[in-house]
C-alpha cells in the first residue's frame, strides 16, 4: 500500500501542473521533543481527597462510604420517590457483591438490568432457543428506549483520575456504558484503590494490561462531571449529551 504522505504529495503535484504552477516541496513536520512527565507522588488518602475535590469542582458530587448499608442509604436518598419509575443497574461485580440489584428488586423498584440480561429475559419469555441477528436489533432499540425512561443509572467505575476528577469506564467485563449515558442521573461506585494520579498513568496502565490486540477494549469512556455543552450561543447547558448529575461513591 502506498504511504498516505506520498499519495498526497503526488496528488498536489498533479494539481499544480494542471494549474500551471510550480509544485512545492512537501511539508515535512519537525519531530516533537521527547515527552517527559512527572506527577507528584501522592499516597492513597491524598489521591482520594484530590479526586473528591475535583469531582465537586466539575459539578459532580462525591462521598466516601464504608459499608453496604451506608451505600444503600445514600442510594435511597438519590432514587425517585415513585417506585414505578425505572432504575437502571449494570451487571458490575461490585454491585452484585453489595447486593444492590437484589435490594432494589425487593424494595419494589422497577429495575432495568444490563443489556445482555435484558435480551436474555426477552428471548426466554418467547421460548426461543436461537434467534437471528436481525431479531436482536429491535430488542436493543427497546432497551435504549427503556433507559431513556429511567430516572437513574447505577454502574461501577473501572478507574478514577485524581487530577481531573474523572471516572473511567472500560468496555469488556461490565455492560455499563449505555447505563452511564442515557438516564438523567448517573451514580457510579468506585473502588478507592483504583484511583490513579492522571490520564498519563491510565494510558501506561492500559498499555501494560492490554498488550495483545485481541484484548484491547472496544471503547474507554472518560466522564468528568455531568454532561454539559456551550454549542448554543456559548451558554452552558447541562444534560444535553448525557446525565445532568453525577454522583461518585467511593467505597
Foldseek 3Di string as FASTA:
>chain_A
DDDPQVVVLVVQCVVCVVVVHDRDDDDDDDDDDDDDDDDDDDDLVVLVVLLQVLLVVQPAHEDEDDALVVVVVVVVVVADPDQAQEEEEKPDPVCVVSVPVVVSVVVSHHYQYFLVVQLVVVCVVVVDDDDDPVVVVVSVVVSLVSLLRHQEFEEEFQAAARNNSKTKHFDDPMRRPSSQFRHQEYEYEYASVRYDHHVVVVVVVLCVVCVDPVRHTPDMDIDRFFDWDLPDVRDIDTDPGGHRYYYYYYD
